[in-house]
Amino acid sequence: MSKAVFILTTSALLLSAAPLSAQDNVRQACMPDIRKYCSAELATFSRENVHACLIKNIKKTSPACKEAAKAQRDAERAKKKGS
């Protein structure tokens, strides 16, 4: 699989119900941590597995990843309250 296809597929896996800006922030901030801690899950192309792994390892991730993940969580909660 080419590197470009892998990157595009990986990016698609990280999409969720959160607003697009929060998704982009998590993807940018957490991709190095995902590659480091969740490479096996990333290879499965399962968004749920990658998400679960990231949450499981959140204490090990960079401060930027933690902050982006928290912002995404808050955006998801706000969206649910508004529904």
C-alpha atoms as a PDB file:
ATOM      1  CA  MET A   1       0.000   0.000   0.000  1.00  0.00           C
ATOM      2  CA  SER A   2       1.425   3.381  -0.905  1.00  0.00           C
ATOM      3  CA  LYS A   3       2.231   5.857   1.827  1.00  0.00           C
ATOM      4  CA  ALA A   4      -0.320   8.373   0.511  1.00  0.00           C
ATOM      5  CA  VAL A   5      -3.127   5.797   0.513  1.00  0.00           C
ATOM      6  CA  PHE A   6      -2.157   4.714   4.016  1.00  0.00           C
ATOM      7  CA  ILE A   7      -2.223   8.299   5.285  1.00  0.00           C
ATOM      8  CA  LEU A   8      -5.595   8.991   3.655  1.00  0.00           C
ATOM      9  CA  THR A   9      -7.070   5.790   5.032  1.00  0.00           C
ATOM     10  CA  THR A  10      -5.690   6.525   8.482  1.00  0.00           C
ATOM     11  CA  SER A  11      -7.161  10.007   8.397  1.00  0.00           C
ATOM     12  CA  ALA A  12     -10.555   8.615   7.438  1.00  0.00           C
ATOM     13  CA  LEU A  13     -10.461   6.248  10.413  1.00  0.00           C
ATOM     14  CA  LEU A  14     -10.172   9.115  12.829  1.00  0.00           C
ATOM     15  CA  LEU A  15     -13.372  10.792  11.714  1.00  0.00           C
ATOM     16  CA  SER A  16     -16.232  10.744  14.176  1.00  0.00           C
ATOM     17  CA  ALA A  17     -19.397  12.636  15.065  1.00  0.00           C
ATOM     18  CA  ALA A  18     -17.416  15.560  16.460  1.00  0.00           C
ATOM     19  CA  PRO A  19     -17.295  18.866  14.599  1.00  0.00           C
ATOM     20  CA  LEU A  20     -14.773  18.894  11.771  1.00  0.00           C
ATOM     21  CA  SER A  21     -12.352  21.300  13.463  1.00  0.00           C
ATOM     22  CA  ALA A  22     -12.128  19.056  16.529  1.00  0.00           C
ATOM     23  CA  GLN A  23     -11.523  16.032  14.293  1.00  0.00           C
ATOM     24  CA  ASP A  24      -8.762  17.836  12.454  1.00  0.00           C
ATOM     25  CA  ASN A  25      -7.130  18.906  15.700  1.00  0.00           C
ATOM     26  CA  VAL A  26      -7.127  15.371  17.089  1.00  0.00           C
ATOM     27  CA  ARG A  27      -5.819  13.934  13.845  1.00  0.00           C
ATOM     28  CA  GLN A  28      -2.956  16.444  13.690  1.00  0.00           C
ATOM     29  CA  ALA A  29      -2.103  16.375  17.375  1.00  0.00           C
ATOM     30  CA  CYS A  30      -2.436  12.650  17.986  1.00  0.00           C
ATOM     31  CA  MET A  31      -1.164  10.943  14.854  1.00  0.00           C
ATOM     32  CA  PRO A  32       2.405  10.532  16.197  1.00  0.00           C
ATOM     33  CA  ASP A  33       0.988   9.054  19.417  1.00  0.00           C
ATOM     34  CA  ILE A  34      -1.377   6.790  17.507  1.00  0.00           C
ATOM     35  CA  ARG A  35       1.512   5.507  15.425  1.00  0.00           C
ATOM     36  CA  LYS A  36       3.552   4.961  18.583  1.00  0.00           C
ATOM     37  CA  TYR A  37       0.951   3.342  20.850  1.00  0.00           C
ATOM     38  CA  CYS A  38      -1.723   2.011  18.483  1.00  0.00           C
ATOM     39  CA  SER A  39       0.052   0.811  15.350  1.00  0.00           C
ATOM     40  CA  ALA A  40      -1.566  -2.637  15.548  1.00  0.00           C
ATOM     41  CA  GLU A  41      -5.043  -1.107  15.787  1.00  0.00           C
ATOM     42  CA  LEU A  42      -4.238   1.332  12.994  1.00  0.00           C
ATOM     43  CA  ALA A  43      -3.366  -1.596  10.745  1.00  0.00           C
ATOM     44  CA  THR A  44      -6.862  -3.068  11.282  1.00  0.00           C
ATOM     45  CA  PHE A  45      -8.497   0.011   9.681  1.00  0.00           C
ATOM     46  CA  SER A  46     -11.045  -0.014  12.498  1.00  0.00           C
ATOM     47  CA  ARG A  47     -11.906   3.469  13.725  1.00  0.00           C
ATOM     48  CA  GLU A  48     -13.381   1.995  16.914  1.00  0.00           C
ATOM     49  CA  ASN A  49     -10.194   0.032  17.686  1.00  0.00           C
ATOM     50  CA  VAL A  50      -7.985   3.065  17.097  1.00  0.00           C
ATOM     51  CA  HIS A  51     -10.235   5.257  19.237  1.00  0.00           C
ATOM     52  CA  ALA A  52     -10.308   2.704  22.064  1.00  0.00           C
ATOM     53  CA  CYS A  53      -6.537   2.336  21.942  1.00  0.00           C
ATOM     54  CA  LEU A  54      -6.001   6.091  22.010  1.00  0.00           C
ATOM     55  CA  ILE A  55      -8.297   6.435  25.024  1.00  0.00           C
ATOM     56  CA  LYS A  56      -6.545   3.523  26.752  1.00  0.00           C
ATOM     57  CA  ASN A  57      -3.163   5.206  26.237  1.00  0.00           C
ATOM     58  CA  ILE A  58      -4.218   8.836  26.664  1.00  0.00           C
ATOM     59  CA  LYS A  59      -2.044   9.333  29.757  1.00  0.00           C
ATOM     60  CA  LYS A  60       1.038   8.448  27.688  1.00  0.00           C
ATOM     61  CA  THR A  61       0.240  10.830  24.829  1.00  0.00           C
ATOM     62  CA  SER A  62       1.663  14.272  24.199  1.00  0.00           C
ATOM     63  CA  PRO A  63       0.111  17.308  25.897  1.00  0.00           C
ATOM     64  CA  ALA A  64      -1.160  18.502  22.500  1.00  0.00           C
ATOM     65  CA  CYS A  65      -2.936  15.197  21.897  1.00  0.00           C
ATOM     66  CA  LYS A  66      -4.508  15.248  25.352  1.00  0.00           C
ATOM     67  CA  GLU A  67      -5.741  18.792  24.811  1.00  0.00           C
ATOM     68  CA  ALA A  68      -7.159  18.007  21.357  1.00  0.00           C
ATOM     69  CA  ALA A  69      -8.860  14.845  22.626  1.00  0.00           C
ATOM     70  CA  LYS A  70     -10.433  16.785  25.496  1.00  0.00           C
ATOM     71  CA  ALA A  71     -11.675  19.469  23.100  1.00  0.00           C
ATOM     72  CA  GLN A  72     -13.202  16.792  20.859  1.00  0.00           C
ATOM     73  CA  ARG A  73     -14.883  15.128  23.835  1.00  0.00           C
ATOM     74  CA  ASP A  74     -16.293  18.473  24.959  1.00  0.00           C
ATOM     75  CA  ALA A  75     -17.559  19.217  21.431  1.00  0.00           C
ATOM     76  CA  GLU A  76     -19.267  15.825  21.257  1.00  0.00           C
ATOM     77  CA  ARG A  77     -20.929  16.410  24.632  1.00  0.00           C
ATOM     78  CA  ALA A  78     -22.102  19.874  23.593  1.00  0.00           C
ATOM     79  CA  LYS A  79     -23.523  18.446  20.360  1.00  0.00           C
ATOM     80  CA  LYS A  80     -25.438  15.760  22.295  1.00  0.00           C
ATOM     81  CA  LYS A  81     -26.865  18.355  24.686  1.00  0.00           C
ATOM     82  CA  GLY A  82     -27.964  20.492  21.745  1.00  0.00           C
ATOM     83  CA  SER A  83     -29.745  17.596  20.027  1.00  0.00           C
END
